[in-house]
Amino acid sequence: MTDPPASQIPVLDLKPEIEARWEGLSAAAERVLRSGRFIGGPEVEAFEAEAAAYLDVPHAVAVNSGT
């Protein structure tokens, strides 16, 4: 089996997901922007704690690529 041409691979459409979560996302973005803490800080620490709990692991570390 061969891979389909790139023109036939659908692009990930995040618009429905963003629309469904817009209020929380925009509030979080505003908190970060108003705090001026774009690296580290309480928002990142909270995200890492929530990610670790969700993944059922002792620790999670946020990185700049979003992975």
C-alpha atoms as a PDB file:
ATOM      1  CA  MET A   1       0.000   0.000   0.000  1.00  0.00           C
ATOM      2  CA  THR A   2       1.336   3.428  -0.890  1.00  0.00           C
ATOM      3  CA  ASP A   3       0.830   6.648   1.012  1.00  0.00           C
ATOM      4  CA  PRO A   4      -1.762   9.061  -0.420  1.00  0.00           C
ATOM      5  CA  PRO A   5      -0.465  12.258  -2.029  1.00  0.00           C
ATOM      6  CA  ALA A   6      -0.099  15.154   0.400  1.00  0.00           C
ATOM      7  CA  SER A   7      -3.002  16.925  -1.308  1.00  0.00           C
ATOM      8  CA  GLN A   8      -5.323  14.136  -0.104  1.00  0.00           C
ATOM      9  CA  ILE A   9      -4.273  14.175   3.549  1.00  0.00           C
ATOM     10  CA  PRO A  10      -6.800  16.231   5.524  1.00  0.00           C
ATOM     11  CA  VAL A  11      -5.435  19.113   7.554  1.00  0.00           C
ATOM     12  CA  LEU A  12      -6.206  18.997  11.275  1.00  0.00           C
ATOM     13  CA  ASP A  13      -9.071  21.406  11.884  1.00  0.00           C
ATOM     14  CA  LEU A  14      -8.964  22.650  15.478  1.00  0.00           C
ATOM     15  CA  LYS A  15     -11.670  25.298  14.975  1.00  0.00           C
ATOM     16  CA  PRO A  16     -14.529  23.212  16.471  1.00  0.00           C
ATOM     17  CA  GLU A  17     -12.402  22.314  19.512  1.00  0.00           C
ATOM     18  CA  ILE A  18     -11.320  25.941  19.997  1.00  0.00           C
ATOM     19  CA  GLU A  19     -14.892  27.211  19.626  1.00  0.00           C
ATOM     20  CA  ALA A  20     -16.150  24.722  22.227  1.00  0.00           C
ATOM     21  CA  ARG A  21     -13.474  25.807  24.717  1.00  0.00           C
ATOM     22  CA  TRP A  22     -13.156  29.496  23.780  1.00  0.00           C
ATOM     23  CA  GLU A  23     -14.181  31.021  27.121  1.00  0.00           C
ATOM     24  CA  GLY A  24     -11.632  29.047  29.124  1.00  0.00           C
ATOM     25  CA  LEU A  25      -8.885  29.449  26.521  1.00  0.00           C
ATOM     26  CA  SER A  26      -9.340  33.191  26.183  1.00  0.00           C
ATOM     27  CA  ALA A  27      -9.452  33.649  29.967  1.00  0.00           C
ATOM     28  CA  ALA A  28      -6.216  31.652  30.359  1.00  0.00           C
ATOM     29  CA  ALA A  29      -4.526  33.608  27.561  1.00  0.00           C
ATOM     30  CA  GLU A  30      -5.589  36.889  29.155  1.00  0.00           C
ATOM     31  CA  ARG A  31      -4.179  35.830  32.540  1.00  0.00           C
ATOM     32  CA  VAL A  32      -0.831  34.995  30.957  1.00  0.00           C
ATOM     33  CA  LEU A  33      -0.712  38.192  28.893  1.00  0.00           C
ATOM     34  CA  ARG A  34      -1.646  40.406  31.852  1.00  0.00           C
ATOM     35  CA  SER A  35       0.896  38.708  34.130  1.00  0.00           C
ATOM     36  CA  GLY A  36       3.750  39.092  31.650  1.00  0.00           C
ATOM     37  CA  ARG A  37       4.984  35.622  32.674  1.00  0.00           C
ATOM     38  CA  PHE A  38       5.271  33.859  29.331  1.00  0.00           C
ATOM     39  CA  ILE A  39       7.844  31.323  30.541  1.00  0.00           C
ATOM     40  CA  GLY A  40       7.201  29.381  33.724  1.00  0.00           C
ATOM     41  CA  GLY A  41       5.031  30.899  36.390  1.00  0.00           C
ATOM     42  CA  PRO A  42       1.799  29.781  38.015  1.00  0.00           C
ATOM     43  CA  GLU A  43      -0.074  29.042  34.754  1.00  0.00           C
ATOM     44  CA  VAL A  44       2.637  26.660  33.548  1.00  0.00           C
ATOM     45  CA  GLU A  45       2.954  25.046  36.975  1.00  0.00           C
ATOM     46  CA  ALA A  46      -0.818  24.481  37.062  1.00  0.00           C
ATOM     47  CA  PHE A  47      -0.750  23.013  33.538  1.00  0.00           C
ATOM     48  CA  GLU A  48       2.088  20.651  34.469  1.00  0.00           C
ATOM     49  CA  ALA A  49       0.250  19.489  37.594  1.00  0.00           C
ATOM     50  CA  GLU A  50      -2.989  18.921  35.660  1.00  0.00           C
ATOM     51  CA  ALA A  51      -1.151  17.101  32.863  1.00  0.00           C
ATOM     52  CA  ALA A  52       0.629  14.823  35.357  1.00  0.00           C
ATOM     53  CA  ALA A  53      -2.659  14.022  37.094  1.00  0.00           C
ATOM     54  CA  TYR A  54      -4.423  13.345  33.780  1.00  0.00           C
ATOM     55  CA  LEU A  55      -1.579  11.096  32.586  1.00  0.00           C
ATOM     56  CA  ASP A  56      -1.317   9.420  36.011  1.00  0.00           C
ATOM     57  CA  VAL A  57       2.409  10.102  36.269  1.00  0.00           C
ATOM     58  CA  PRO A  58       4.426  11.749  39.049  1.00  0.00           C
ATOM     59  CA  HIS A  59       5.647  14.685  36.915  1.00  0.00           C
ATOM     60  CA  ALA A  60       4.987  16.449  33.612  1.00  0.00           C
ATOM     61  CA  VAL A  61       7.152  19.164  32.071  1.00  0.00           C
ATOM     62  CA  ALA A  62       5.827  21.681  29.571  1.00  0.00           C
ATOM     63  CA  VAL A  63       8.169  22.524  26.692  1.00  0.00           C
ATOM     64  CA  ASN A  64       8.106  25.209  24.037  1.00  0.00           C
ATOM     65  CA  SER A  65       6.894  22.941  21.240  1.00  0.00           C
ATOM     66  CA  GLY A  66       3.697  22.088  23.107  1.00  0.00           C
ATOM     67  CA  THR A  67       4.566  18.430  23.351  1.00  0.00           C
END
